[in-house]
Amino acid sequence: MSDKETTHFGYKQVDTKAKAGLVADVFHSVSARYDLMNDLMSMGIHRIWKRFTIEISGVRKGHSVLDIAGGTGDLAGQFSDIVGSEGTVVLADINDSMLQVGRDKLIDNGRYGNIEFVQADAQVLPFPDDQFDCITIAFGLRNVTDKNAALRSMLRVLKPGGRLLVLEFSKPGNPLLSKVYDTYSFKVLPLMGKLVTNDADSYTYLAESIRMHPDQQSLKEMMEDAGFSHCEYNNMTGGVVAVHRGIKP
């Protein structure tokens, strides 16, 4: 856990101990329309980003998968189909509102038999050492207070040879794209959030939290420092999003 007295919540500095609660309030507010907003914000492209993440995960029948910050279950549901009845998928989220939405959605879709639901903090995962073949965290790491602690926690619960995949908003390399992206993030997203969820502030936080997240190379180095090997990343949509991959030695 971080021993710093303050940390960032978007562009604001807040007490370190208060950040988790502030992030929780954001997701309590938007959980009911989270999937709709994802489709609107990304124009559906988030499904391609997630599909690519699954394709490079190496997950096979019988594997054990942990999806951290799994929210409404997009990845967990697809992993459930891949691992089959011999495998297990754990959908973990620190936010009980998101976890409930994900549970209801997956049950409604008939995907429940091999999925477990756990309310958990990524920084202190409540699982034994060397348990999972693969861990994914999609659009969740930037909200974690102590990212280094979370990466070490993920390494601990992975089996040797297991993979971590971090799908997250990142930094576009093209200056023109970056300018367009900033305009969209700070002008359009809050307005969209206001119209769809009656909550502009949460989507202002979303844009700010993306800008405060480490860039591609910095996150790669953080993963290496945490103990992962063969770390690499793939940019998607011009670097608006990147998926990082690391292996537990």
Protein backbone atom coordinates (compact mmCIF):
# COMPACT_ATOMS: atom_id res chain seq x y z
CA MET A 1 0.00 0.00 0.00
CA SER A 2 1.12 3.55 -0.63
CA ASP A 3 2.53 5.39 2.39
CA LYS A 4 2.11 8.80 0.73
CA GLU A 5 -0.28 11.16 2.48
CA THR A 6 -1.86 12.42 -0.75
CA THR A 7 -2.49 11.06 -4.23
CA HIS A 8 -4.28 12.20 -7.35
CA PHE A 9 -8.00 11.80 -8.01
CA GLY A 10 -8.15 13.06 -11.55
CA TYR A 11 -6.35 16.38 -11.39
CA LYS A 12 -7.13 16.90 -7.70
CA GLN A 13 -4.85 15.98 -4.81
CA VAL A 14 -6.72 14.03 -2.14
CA ASP A 15 -5.88 12.09 0.99
CA THR A 16 -4.53 8.68 -0.06
CA LYS A 17 -6.98 6.88 2.21
CA ALA A 18 -9.90 8.75 0.66
CA LYS A 19 -9.24 7.89 -3.00
CA ALA A 20 -10.82 4.43 -3.00
CA GLY A 21 -14.06 5.86 -1.63
CA LEU A 22 -14.11 8.66 -4.18
CA VAL A 23 -13.56 6.20 -7.04
CA ALA A 24 -16.29 4.00 -5.57
CA ASP A 25 -18.71 6.93 -5.65
CA VAL A 26 -17.98 7.42 -9.36
CA PHE A 27 -18.84 3.83 -10.20
CA HIS A 28 -21.85 3.67 -7.90
CA SER A 29 -23.14 6.63 -9.89
CA VAL A 30 -22.58 5.22 -13.39
CA SER A 31 -22.95 1.45 -12.89
CA ALA A 32 -26.54 1.17 -14.16
CA ARG A 33 -25.64 2.66 -17.57
CA TYR A 34 -21.99 1.69 -17.71
CA ASP A 35 -22.31 -0.60 -20.74
CA LEU A 36 -24.39 1.92 -22.67
CA MET A 37 -21.86 4.67 -22.00
CA ASN A 38 -18.97 2.43 -23.06
CA ASP A 39 -20.66 1.81 -26.39
CA LEU A 40 -21.45 5.50 -26.89
CA MET A 41 -18.05 6.81 -25.78
CA SER A 42 -16.01 4.43 -27.92
CA MET A 43 -18.56 4.03 -30.72
CA GLY A 44 -18.43 0.32 -29.97
CA ILE A 45 -14.68 0.02 -30.52
CA HIS A 46 -14.13 -1.09 -26.90
CA ARG A 47 -15.42 -4.51 -27.98
CA ILE A 48 -12.56 -4.82 -30.48
CA TRP A 49 -10.02 -3.78 -27.85
CA LYS A 50 -11.35 -6.44 -25.48
CA ARG A 51 -11.47 -9.07 -28.22
CA PHE A 52 -7.79 -8.49 -29.00
CA THR A 53 -6.93 -8.77 -25.30
CA ILE A 54 -8.66 -12.14 -25.13
CA GLU A 55 -6.93 -13.33 -28.31
CA ILE A 56 -3.44 -12.67 -26.91
CA SER A 57 -4.27 -14.02 -23.43
CA GLY A 58 -3.36 -17.59 -24.27
CA VAL A 59 -6.33 -18.79 -22.21
CA ARG A 60 -7.46 -22.33 -23.02
CA LYS A 61 -9.96 -24.92 -21.85
CA GLY A 62 -9.50 -25.78 -18.18
CA HIS A 63 -7.60 -22.61 -17.27
CA SER A 64 -8.19 -20.46 -14.22
CA VAL A 65 -8.70 -16.75 -15.02
CA LEU A 66 -8.96 -13.71 -12.76
CA ASP A 67 -10.61 -10.62 -14.26
CA ILE A 68 -9.86 -7.70 -11.92
CA ALA A 69 -12.07 -4.61 -12.05
CA GLY A 70 -14.25 -6.88 -14.14
CA GLY A 71 -17.23 -4.58 -13.86
CA THR A 72 -20.14 -5.68 -15.98
CA GLY A 73 -18.49 -8.90 -17.10
CA ASP A 74 -17.52 -8.32 -20.74
CA LEU A 75 -14.24 -10.22 -20.44
CA ALA A 76 -15.39 -12.70 -17.81
CA GLY A 77 -18.29 -13.86 -19.96
CA GLN A 78 -16.05 -14.55 -22.94
CA PHE A 79 -13.41 -16.27 -20.80
CA SER A 80 -16.19 -18.43 -19.33
CA ASP A 81 -16.92 -19.82 -22.78
CA ILE A 82 -13.23 -20.50 -23.48
CA VAL A 83 -12.27 -22.27 -20.22
CA GLY A 84 -15.43 -24.39 -20.19
CA SER A 85 -16.75 -26.48 -17.33
CA GLU A 86 -13.24 -27.67 -16.43
CA GLY A 87 -12.01 -24.12 -15.89
CA THR A 88 -12.84 -21.25 -13.57
CA VAL A 89 -13.27 -17.52 -14.05
CA VAL A 90 -13.23 -15.13 -11.10
CA LEU A 91 -14.82 -11.74 -11.72
CA ALA A 92 -13.40 -9.41 -9.08
CA ASP A 93 -14.29 -5.78 -8.50
CA ILE A 94 -13.81 -3.48 -5.54
CA ASN A 95 -17.16 -1.81 -6.24
CA ASP A 96 -20.24 -3.73 -5.14
CA SER A 97 -22.56 -1.83 -7.53
CA MET A 98 -20.48 -2.84 -10.54
CA LEU A 99 -20.16 -6.39 -9.27
CA GLN A 100 -23.94 -6.66 -8.93
CA VAL A 101 -24.49 -5.37 -12.47
CA GLY A 102 -21.94 -7.87 -13.79
CA ARG A 103 -23.47 -10.76 -11.85
CA ASP A 104 -26.99 -9.97 -13.05
CA LYS A 105 -25.86 -9.57 -16.65
CA LEU A 106 -23.95 -12.85 -16.73
CA ILE A 107 -26.73 -14.79 -15.02
CA ASP A 108 -29.25 -13.37 -17.49
CA ASN A 109 -26.99 -14.56 -20.32
CA GLY A 110 -26.78 -18.07 -18.86
CA ARG A 111 -23.09 -17.73 -17.96
CA TYR A 112 -22.76 -18.55 -14.33
CA GLY A 113 -21.69 -22.15 -13.68
CA ASN A 114 -17.95 -21.56 -13.90
CA ILE A 115 -17.84 -17.90 -12.80
CA GLU A 116 -17.22 -16.78 -9.24
CA PHE A 117 -17.86 -13.22 -8.05
CA VAL A 118 -15.53 -11.67 -5.48
CA GLN A 119 -15.45 -8.14 -4.09
CA ALA A 120 -11.71 -7.49 -3.86
CA ASP A 121 -9.09 -4.75 -3.78
CA ALA A 122 -6.46 -5.20 -6.51
CA GLN A 123 -3.77 -4.02 -4.08
CA VAL A 124 -4.38 -6.90 -1.66
CA LEU A 125 -5.93 -9.74 -3.64
CA PRO A 126 -7.56 -12.35 -1.35
CA PHE A 127 -6.28 -15.41 -3.21
CA PRO A 128 -3.52 -17.98 -2.61
CA ASP A 129 -0.14 -17.74 -4.31
CA ASP A 130 0.21 -19.25 -7.79
CA GLN A 131 -3.53 -19.74 -8.41
CA PHE A 132 -4.32 -18.26 -11.85
CA ASP A 133 -3.15 -19.01 -15.39
CA CYS A 134 -4.13 -15.54 -16.55
CA ILE A 135 -5.10 -12.21 -14.99
CA THR A 136 -6.76 -9.36 -16.87
CA ILE A 137 -7.55 -5.85 -15.75
CA ALA A 138 -9.39 -3.73 -18.31
CA PHE A 139 -9.78 0.01 -17.77
CA GLY A 140 -9.28 -0.41 -14.04
CA LEU A 141 -5.60 0.04 -13.20
CA ARG A 142 -5.72 3.82 -13.54
CA ASN A 143 -8.26 3.94 -10.68
CA VAL A 144 -6.05 1.98 -8.27
CA THR A 145 -4.41 4.09 -5.57
CA ASP A 146 -1.12 2.16 -5.42
CA LYS A 147 -0.50 0.66 -8.84
CA ASN A 148 2.84 -0.84 -7.84
CA ALA A 149 1.25 -2.71 -4.94
CA ALA A 150 -1.49 -3.97 -7.27
CA LEU A 151 1.02 -5.25 -9.83
CA ARG A 152 2.95 -7.10 -7.10
CA SER A 153 -0.29 -8.58 -5.80
CA MET A 154 -1.21 -9.79 -9.29
CA LEU A 155 2.24 -11.34 -9.73
CA ARG A 156 1.85 -13.24 -6.46
CA VAL A 157 -1.43 -14.94 -7.39
CA LEU A 158 -0.36 -15.84 -10.94
CA LYS A 159 1.07 -19.28 -11.60
CA PRO A 160 4.67 -19.36 -12.89
CA GLY A 161 4.41 -18.83 -16.63
CA GLY A 162 1.03 -17.14 -16.21
CA ARG A 163 0.15 -13.94 -18.05
CA LEU A 164 -1.02 -10.54 -16.92
CA LEU A 165 -2.86 -8.38 -19.46
CA VAL A 166 -3.51 -4.71 -18.68
CA LEU A 167 -5.93 -3.04 -21.10
CA GLU A 168 -6.01 0.67 -20.44
CA PHE A 169 -6.37 4.10 -22.00
CA SER A 170 -2.94 5.44 -22.87
CA LYS A 171 -1.13 8.20 -24.76
CA PRO A 172 -1.60 8.78 -28.52
CA GLY A 173 1.67 9.24 -30.36
CA ASN A 174 0.34 11.58 -33.04
CA PRO A 175 0.05 15.25 -31.89
CA LEU A 176 -3.01 15.91 -34.07
CA LEU A 177 -4.78 12.81 -32.76
CA SER A 178 -3.83 13.80 -29.23
CA LYS A 179 -5.41 17.25 -29.70
CA VAL A 180 -8.63 15.80 -31.12
CA TYR A 181 -8.69 13.23 -28.30
CA ASP A 182 -8.31 15.94 -25.65
CA THR A 183 -11.17 17.96 -27.13
CA TYR A 184 -13.39 14.89 -27.24
CA SER A 185 -12.44 13.84 -23.69
CA PHE A 186 -12.95 17.17 -21.96
CA LYS A 187 -15.83 18.59 -24.01
CA VAL A 188 -17.89 15.71 -25.39
CA LEU A 189 -17.58 13.03 -22.68
CA PRO A 190 -18.86 15.15 -19.77
CA LEU A 191 -21.79 16.33 -21.91
CA MET A 192 -22.56 12.76 -22.89
CA GLY A 193 -22.35 11.72 -19.25
CA LYS A 194 -24.75 14.50 -18.29
CA LEU A 195 -27.29 13.48 -20.93
CA VAL A 196 -27.15 9.71 -20.41
CA THR A 197 -26.38 9.29 -16.68
CA ASN A 198 -27.13 12.80 -15.35
CA ASP A 199 -23.52 12.82 -14.13
CA ALA A 200 -21.02 15.04 -15.92
CA ASP A 201 -18.52 15.04 -13.02
CA SER A 202 -17.80 11.32 -13.20
CA TYR A 203 -16.88 11.60 -16.86
CA THR A 204 -14.72 14.64 -16.21
CA TYR A 205 -12.89 12.44 -13.67
CA LEU A 206 -12.63 9.73 -16.33
CA ALA A 207 -10.84 12.10 -18.73
CA GLU A 208 -8.55 13.43 -15.99
CA SER A 209 -7.69 9.96 -14.68
CA ILE A 210 -6.61 8.89 -18.17
CA ARG A 211 -4.23 11.84 -18.42
CA MET A 212 -2.72 11.01 -15.01
CA HIS A 213 -2.13 7.34 -15.91
CA PRO A 214 1.44 6.32 -16.82
CA ASP A 215 2.27 6.27 -20.53
CA GLN A 216 3.03 3.05 -22.39
CA GLN A 217 6.75 2.85 -21.64
CA SER A 218 6.32 3.89 -18.00
CA LEU A 219 3.73 1.19 -17.36
CA LYS A 220 5.95 -1.40 -19.05
CA GLU A 221 8.77 -0.42 -16.70
CA MET A 222 6.44 -0.60 -13.68
CA MET A 223 5.49 -4.15 -14.66
CA GLU A 224 9.16 -5.09 -14.98
CA ASP A 225 9.94 -3.52 -11.58
CA ALA A 226 7.10 -5.55 -10.05
CA GLY A 227 8.80 -8.74 -11.27
CA PHE A 228 7.14 -9.53 -14.60
CA SER A 229 9.26 -10.71 -17.53
CA HIS A 230 8.86 -10.47 -21.32
CA CYS A 231 6.83 -7.27 -20.89
CA GLU A 232 5.51 -5.69 -24.06
CA TYR A 233 2.58 -3.61 -25.24
CA ASN A 234 0.43 -3.16 -28.31
CA ASN A 235 -1.06 0.21 -29.18
CA MET A 236 -4.59 0.31 -30.54
CA THR A 237 -6.50 3.20 -32.14
CA GLY A 238 -3.30 5.23 -32.47
CA GLY A 239 -2.29 4.74 -28.83
CA VAL A 240 -5.58 5.94 -27.37
CA VAL A 241 -5.60 2.48 -25.81
CA ALA A 242 -2.78 0.01 -25.16
CA VAL A 243 -2.73 -3.56 -23.93
CA HIS A 244 0.34 -4.52 -21.87
CA ARG A 245 1.39 -8.11 -21.38
CA GLY A 246 3.80 -9.59 -18.84
CA ILE A 247 4.74 -13.12 -17.78
CA LYS A 248 5.40 -14.42 -14.26
CA PRO A 249 8.86 -16.02 -14.33
